[in-house]
Amino acid sequence: MKVGMIGLGAMGVGMARNLARHDLLGAVWNRTAAKADTLAQELGVMAAPDPAAVAAECEVVLTCVSADADVLEMVDALREGLQPGGVVVDTSTISVATVKTAAERIADAGGRFLDAPVSGGREGAENGQLVVMAGGDAEALVQAMPALEAIGKSVTHMGESGSGQATKAVNQIMVAGINQAVTEALAFGQASGLDMDRVIEVVGGGAAGNWFLSHRGPTMVRGTFEPGFKAALHHKDLGICREMLERMGVSLPVVEMTLKHYERLMEQGHGEEDISTLYRLKQALFEEGNRRSL
């Protein structure tokens, strides 16, 4: 089986390399052609001239792009070359409505579409340790499983089309809450004059221990915010969550608060940094408190 990879950003390039390690990668395409050419030469695969050529070369095509409009653009671009019964697997985070539209367009072209958003960030993509939450036809998932197992540590079928994205929304809301809690608590610890390396080690071994604390805590307290998952992208994802919540007639405080905080950080030029850049705002709270107490 040959698998194509469309979209070679921080996540897509890691997925492509893991597909190649499993001898599955057949072709790559990226909007910036030079990036695709370089990776194709490194991995010994075809740098396709367009998305349709990827679909013509590969039975399964993975897409990893930034936004809903981008996904639909790629779907329309690759349909012309789609093999009969070919499977398109989108690993982006998009709305359920966009999933339905994409699935219909791929079905019209004789293929099948899976929404399979992932969690694990850049590190997970690089190490083949992503968590894949898939929605769509079960037989299509079986066909695409070798590719998904190459990029992930777990692949779970969540149900019909859109179920993968609904599950990812749960994940993104939870990530927002964890980000808020960890950045706030560590800013408090630093303002209290504690040895933060020790704090992270001790707290990480107890009931409050979590991946974000252990992997981002040491960098954020040193003012380093190299992106594993960009704040601007999480802001986009939480906007999708908000739209879903509005249809339910519900507003969640953690979603609304985090959206406002990310907007402030983006205005300050920090949108391309890791979501742990939220620590900047928490530190500012304590700095302002100190000024008021003087």
Protein backbone atom coordinates (compact mmCIF):
# COMPACT_ATOMS: atom_id res chain seq x y z
CA MET A 1 0.00 0.00 0.00
CA LYS A 2 1.19 3.51 -0.82
CA VAL A 3 0.25 6.46 1.36
CA GLY A 4 0.41 10.10 0.35
CA MET A 5 1.01 13.02 2.70
CA ILE A 6 -0.43 16.46 1.96
CA GLY A 7 0.67 19.27 4.28
CA LEU A 8 4.20 19.28 5.64
CA GLY A 9 4.03 21.62 8.60
CA ALA A 10 5.36 20.79 12.06
CA MET A 11 2.95 17.85 12.35
CA GLY A 12 2.81 16.67 8.74
CA VAL A 13 6.55 16.34 8.29
CA GLY A 14 6.77 14.08 11.34
CA MET A 15 3.93 11.94 10.04
CA ALA A 16 5.61 11.69 6.63
CA ARG A 17 8.87 10.51 8.15
CA ASN A 18 7.11 7.82 10.18
CA LEU A 19 5.19 6.64 7.13
CA ALA A 20 8.51 6.37 5.31
CA ARG A 21 10.03 4.39 8.20
CA HIS A 22 7.23 1.86 7.75
CA ASP A 23 7.86 1.78 3.98
CA LEU A 24 4.40 3.21 3.27
CA LEU A 25 5.08 6.71 1.99
CA GLY A 26 4.59 7.07 -1.75
CA ALA A 27 4.30 10.81 -2.38
CA VAL A 28 4.24 14.18 -0.63
CA TRP A 29 2.84 17.60 -1.50
CA ASN A 30 3.09 20.95 0.22
CA ARG A 31 1.93 24.42 -0.73
CA THR A 32 5.55 25.54 -0.47
CA ALA A 33 7.05 23.25 -3.11
CA ALA A 34 10.64 23.62 -1.92
CA LYS A 35 9.76 22.01 1.40
CA ALA A 36 8.16 19.02 -0.35
CA ASP A 37 11.12 18.69 -2.72
CA THR A 38 13.62 18.62 0.14
CA LEU A 39 11.67 16.06 2.15
CA ALA A 40 10.99 13.88 -0.90
CA GLN A 41 14.70 13.77 -1.68
CA GLU A 42 15.48 12.90 1.95
CA LEU A 43 12.93 10.08 2.05
CA GLY A 44 13.29 8.83 -1.50
CA VAL A 45 9.68 9.40 -2.54
CA MET A 46 7.80 11.40 -5.16
CA ALA A 47 7.33 15.16 -4.72
CA ALA A 48 3.96 15.44 -6.42
CA PRO A 49 3.23 18.47 -8.62
CA ASP A 50 -0.26 18.82 -7.14
CA PRO A 51 -2.66 17.06 -4.69
CA ALA A 52 -4.37 15.17 -7.54
CA ALA A 53 -1.06 13.51 -8.40
CA VAL A 54 -0.72 12.35 -4.78
CA ALA A 55 -4.18 10.76 -4.95
CA ALA A 56 -3.38 9.10 -8.28
CA GLU A 57 -0.20 7.58 -6.85
CA CYS A 58 -1.56 6.44 -3.45
CA GLU A 59 -4.49 4.37 -2.21
CA VAL A 60 -4.60 6.32 1.07
CA VAL A 61 -3.99 10.06 1.34
CA LEU A 62 -3.40 11.84 4.65
CA THR A 63 -3.99 15.58 4.89
CA CYS A 64 -2.68 17.81 7.65
CA VAL A 65 -3.51 21.48 7.09
CA SER A 66 -4.51 24.38 9.29
CA ALA A 67 -8.14 25.32 8.75
CA ASP A 68 -11.53 24.24 7.40
CA ALA A 69 -11.16 26.14 4.13
CA ASP A 70 -7.75 24.55 3.57
CA VAL A 71 -9.18 21.05 4.04
CA LEU A 72 -11.95 21.65 1.52
CA GLU A 73 -9.45 23.17 -0.91
CA MET A 74 -7.28 20.03 -0.66
CA VAL A 75 -10.30 17.75 -1.00
CA ASP A 76 -11.37 19.52 -4.19
CA ALA A 77 -7.80 19.52 -5.53
CA LEU A 78 -7.18 15.81 -5.01
CA ARG A 79 -10.58 14.48 -6.14
CA GLU A 80 -9.56 14.55 -9.80
CA GLY A 81 -6.83 11.96 -9.18
CA LEU A 82 -8.56 9.87 -6.52
CA GLN A 83 -8.34 6.14 -7.11
CA PRO A 84 -11.62 4.13 -7.04
CA GLY A 85 -12.20 3.23 -3.41
CA GLY A 86 -9.35 5.47 -2.27
CA VAL A 87 -9.42 6.75 1.29
CA VAL A 88 -8.72 10.34 2.30
CA VAL A 89 -7.84 10.75 5.98
CA ASP A 90 -7.84 14.26 7.37
CA THR A 91 -5.81 14.67 10.55
CA SER A 92 -6.57 18.39 10.95
CA THR A 93 -8.89 19.88 13.55
CA ILE A 94 -11.98 21.19 11.75
CA SER A 95 -15.70 21.56 12.31
CA VAL A 96 -18.13 18.66 12.06
CA ALA A 97 -19.97 20.56 9.30
CA THR A 98 -16.78 20.70 7.25
CA VAL A 99 -16.26 16.97 7.80
CA LYS A 100 -19.72 16.27 6.37
CA THR A 101 -19.03 18.44 3.32
CA ALA A 102 -15.63 16.85 2.71
CA ALA A 103 -17.06 13.34 3.07
CA GLU A 104 -19.79 14.09 0.53
CA ARG A 105 -17.31 15.47 -1.99
CA ILE A 106 -14.98 12.49 -1.64
CA ALA A 107 -17.93 10.08 -1.92
CA ASP A 108 -19.01 11.82 -5.13
CA ALA A 109 -15.52 11.11 -6.50
CA GLY A 110 -15.77 7.40 -5.63
CA GLY A 111 -13.72 7.45 -2.44
CA ARG A 112 -14.22 7.48 1.32
CA PHE A 113 -13.33 10.12 3.88
CA LEU A 114 -12.24 9.75 7.49
CA ASP A 115 -11.98 12.56 10.01
CA ALA A 116 -9.04 11.48 12.15
CA PRO A 117 -7.75 14.38 14.24
CA VAL A 118 -4.73 13.66 16.37
CA SER A 119 -3.35 14.65 19.77
CA GLY A 120 0.26 14.62 20.87
CA GLY A 121 1.77 17.73 19.33
CA ARG A 122 4.96 18.00 17.35
CA GLU A 123 6.75 15.50 19.59
CA GLY A 124 4.03 12.91 19.08
CA ALA A 125 4.17 13.38 15.32
CA GLU A 126 7.95 13.05 15.27
CA ASN A 127 7.98 9.94 17.46
CA GLY A 128 4.97 8.17 15.93
CA GLN A 129 3.15 8.50 19.25
CA LEU A 130 0.03 10.40 18.24
CA VAL A 131 -3.39 9.51 19.59
CA VAL A 132 -5.77 9.16 16.65
CA MET A 133 -9.53 9.61 17.10
CA ALA A 134 -11.31 8.56 13.92
CA GLY A 135 -14.81 9.08 12.57
CA GLY A 136 -16.31 7.57 9.45
CA ASP A 137 -16.81 4.25 7.70
CA ALA A 138 -15.34 1.28 9.61
CA GLU A 139 -14.15 -0.47 6.43
CA ALA A 140 -12.35 2.68 5.32
CA LEU A 141 -10.63 2.77 8.69
CA VAL A 142 -9.45 -0.81 8.24
CA GLN A 143 -8.00 0.16 4.86
CA ALA A 144 -6.22 3.17 6.33
CA MET A 145 -5.12 1.44 9.55
CA PRO A 146 -1.52 0.64 8.49
CA ALA A 147 -0.96 4.34 7.84
CA LEU A 148 -2.56 5.43 11.09
CA GLU A 149 -0.66 2.84 13.10
CA ALA A 150 2.55 4.17 11.58
CA ILE A 151 1.91 7.67 12.93
CA GLY A 152 0.14 6.84 16.19
CA LYS A 153 0.40 4.88 19.39
CA SER A 154 -3.35 4.34 19.43
CA VAL A 155 -6.15 4.51 16.85
CA THR A 156 -9.76 4.51 18.07
CA HIS A 157 -12.89 4.45 15.93
CA MET A 158 -15.27 6.93 17.58
CA GLY A 159 -18.26 6.36 15.26
CA GLU A 160 -19.80 8.03 12.22
CA SER A 161 -18.34 10.98 10.29
CA GLY A 162 -17.72 13.89 12.62
CA SER A 163 -17.24 11.73 15.71
CA GLY A 164 -13.49 12.11 15.51
CA GLN A 165 -13.77 15.89 15.50
CA ALA A 166 -16.29 15.89 18.35
CA THR A 167 -13.82 13.84 20.38
CA LYS A 168 -11.00 16.23 19.48
CA ALA A 169 -13.16 19.09 20.76
CA VAL A 170 -13.32 17.33 24.13
CA ASN A 171 -9.53 17.09 24.04
CA GLN A 172 -9.02 20.74 23.15
CA ILE A 173 -11.30 21.98 25.92
CA MET A 174 -9.41 19.83 28.40
CA VAL A 175 -6.05 21.07 27.10
CA ALA A 176 -7.24 24.64 27.66
CA GLY A 177 -8.12 23.87 31.27
CA ILE A 178 -4.80 22.12 31.90
CA ASN A 179 -2.90 25.02 30.34
CA GLN A 180 -4.74 27.50 32.55
CA ALA A 181 -4.14 25.45 35.70
CA VAL A 182 -0.47 24.66 35.13
CA THR A 183 0.60 28.14 34.02
CA GLU A 184 -1.29 29.78 36.87
CA ALA A 185 0.05 27.42 39.53
CA LEU A 186 3.65 27.67 38.34
CA ALA A 187 3.48 31.46 38.17
CA PHE A 188 2.28 31.38 41.78
CA GLY A 189 5.16 29.10 42.72
CA GLN A 190 7.72 31.31 41.04
CA ALA A 191 6.29 34.43 42.66
CA SER A 192 6.59 32.64 46.00
CA GLY A 193 10.32 32.29 45.50
CA LEU A 194 10.37 28.51 45.20
CA ASP A 195 12.92 26.37 43.37
CA MET A 196 10.76 25.66 40.34
CA ASP A 197 12.66 22.59 39.16
CA ARG A 198 11.93 21.00 42.52
CA VAL A 199 8.32 22.16 42.45
CA ILE A 200 7.75 20.57 39.03
CA GLU A 201 9.41 17.33 40.12
CA VAL A 202 7.48 17.06 43.40
CA VAL A 203 4.08 18.13 42.08
CA GLY A 204 4.53 16.04 38.94
CA GLY A 205 4.83 12.91 41.07
CA GLY A 206 1.53 13.48 42.86
CA ALA A 207 -2.16 13.83 42.06
CA ALA A 208 -1.59 16.98 39.99
CA GLY A 209 0.99 15.35 37.72
CA ASN A 210 0.31 15.55 33.98
CA TRP A 211 2.07 15.55 30.60
CA PHE A 212 1.90 19.32 30.16
CA LEU A 213 3.47 19.99 33.55
CA SER A 214 6.38 17.61 33.01
CA HIS A 215 7.05 18.52 29.35
CA ARG A 216 6.29 22.26 29.31
CA GLY A 217 6.80 23.27 32.94
CA PRO A 218 10.64 23.30 32.80
CA THR A 219 10.68 25.43 29.65
CA MET A 220 7.97 27.92 30.55
CA VAL A 221 9.57 28.85 33.90
CA ARG A 222 12.72 29.70 31.92
CA GLY A 223 10.81 31.84 29.44
CA THR A 224 11.19 29.43 26.51
CA PHE A 225 8.11 28.83 24.37
CA GLU A 226 9.27 26.89 21.32
CA PRO A 227 6.09 25.59 19.70
CA GLY A 228 4.93 22.07 20.18
CA PHE A 229 1.37 23.32 19.65
CA LYS A 230 0.95 26.97 18.66
CA ALA A 231 -1.31 29.27 20.65
CA ALA A 232 -2.86 30.61 17.43
CA LEU A 233 -3.86 27.09 16.37
CA HIS A 234 -5.37 26.26 19.74
CA HIS A 235 -7.27 29.54 19.52
CA LYS A 236 -8.65 28.39 16.17
CA ASP A 237 -9.63 25.01 17.64
CA LEU A 238 -11.36 26.59 20.62
CA GLY A 239 -13.31 28.78 18.21
CA ILE A 240 -14.66 25.55 16.69
CA CYS A 241 -15.52 24.33 20.18
CA ARG A 242 -17.36 27.58 20.88
CA GLU A 243 -19.46 27.16 17.72
CA MET A 244 -20.41 23.64 18.80
CA LEU A 245 -21.29 24.89 22.28
CA GLU A 246 -23.42 27.72 20.88
CA ARG A 247 -25.54 25.15 19.04
CA MET A 248 -26.04 23.44 22.41
CA GLY A 249 -26.97 26.74 24.08
CA VAL A 250 -23.98 26.53 26.43
CA SER A 251 -21.00 28.76 27.19
CA LEU A 252 -18.05 27.20 29.04
CA PRO A 253 -15.90 29.50 31.21
CA VAL A 254 -12.60 27.79 30.43
CA VAL A 255 -13.20 28.10 26.68
CA GLU A 256 -14.20 31.76 26.85
CA MET A 257 -11.35 32.71 29.19
CA THR A 258 -8.71 30.91 27.13
CA LEU A 259 -9.94 32.44 23.88
CA LYS A 260 -9.63 35.92 25.40
CA HIS A 261 -6.17 35.16 26.77
CA TYR A 262 -4.92 33.81 23.44
CA GLU A 263 -6.31 36.86 21.65
CA ARG A 264 -4.31 39.09 23.99
CA LEU A 265 -1.16 37.04 23.41
CA MET A 266 -1.67 37.09 19.66
CA GLU A 267 -2.02 40.88 19.76
CA GLN A 268 1.32 40.96 21.59
CA GLY A 269 2.96 38.87 18.87
CA HIS A 270 3.05 35.51 20.70
CA GLY A 271 0.56 33.55 18.60
CA GLU A 272 3.25 31.44 16.93
CA GLU A 273 4.67 30.35 20.28
CA ASP A 274 3.68 27.25 22.21
CA ILE A 275 0.43 27.40 24.16
CA SER A 276 2.54 27.52 27.34
CA THR A 277 3.15 31.17 26.41
CA LEU A 278 0.00 31.70 28.51
CA TYR A 279 2.52 31.73 31.36
CA ARG A 280 3.40 35.29 30.28
CA LEU A 281 -0.05 36.52 31.28
CA LYS A 282 0.02 34.68 34.61
CA GLN A 283 3.41 36.16 35.47
CA ALA A 284 2.07 39.61 34.61
CA LEU A 285 -0.72 39.17 37.18
CA PHE A 286 1.81 38.68 39.96
CA GLU A 287 4.01 41.51 38.72
CA GLU A 288 0.98 43.84 38.77
CA GLY A 289 0.07 42.61 42.24
CA ASN A 290 3.56 43.41 43.49
CA ARG A 291 3.36 46.93 42.05
CA ARG A 292 0.03 47.52 43.75
CA SER A 293 1.38 46.36 47.12
CA LEU A 294 4.35 48.74 47.06
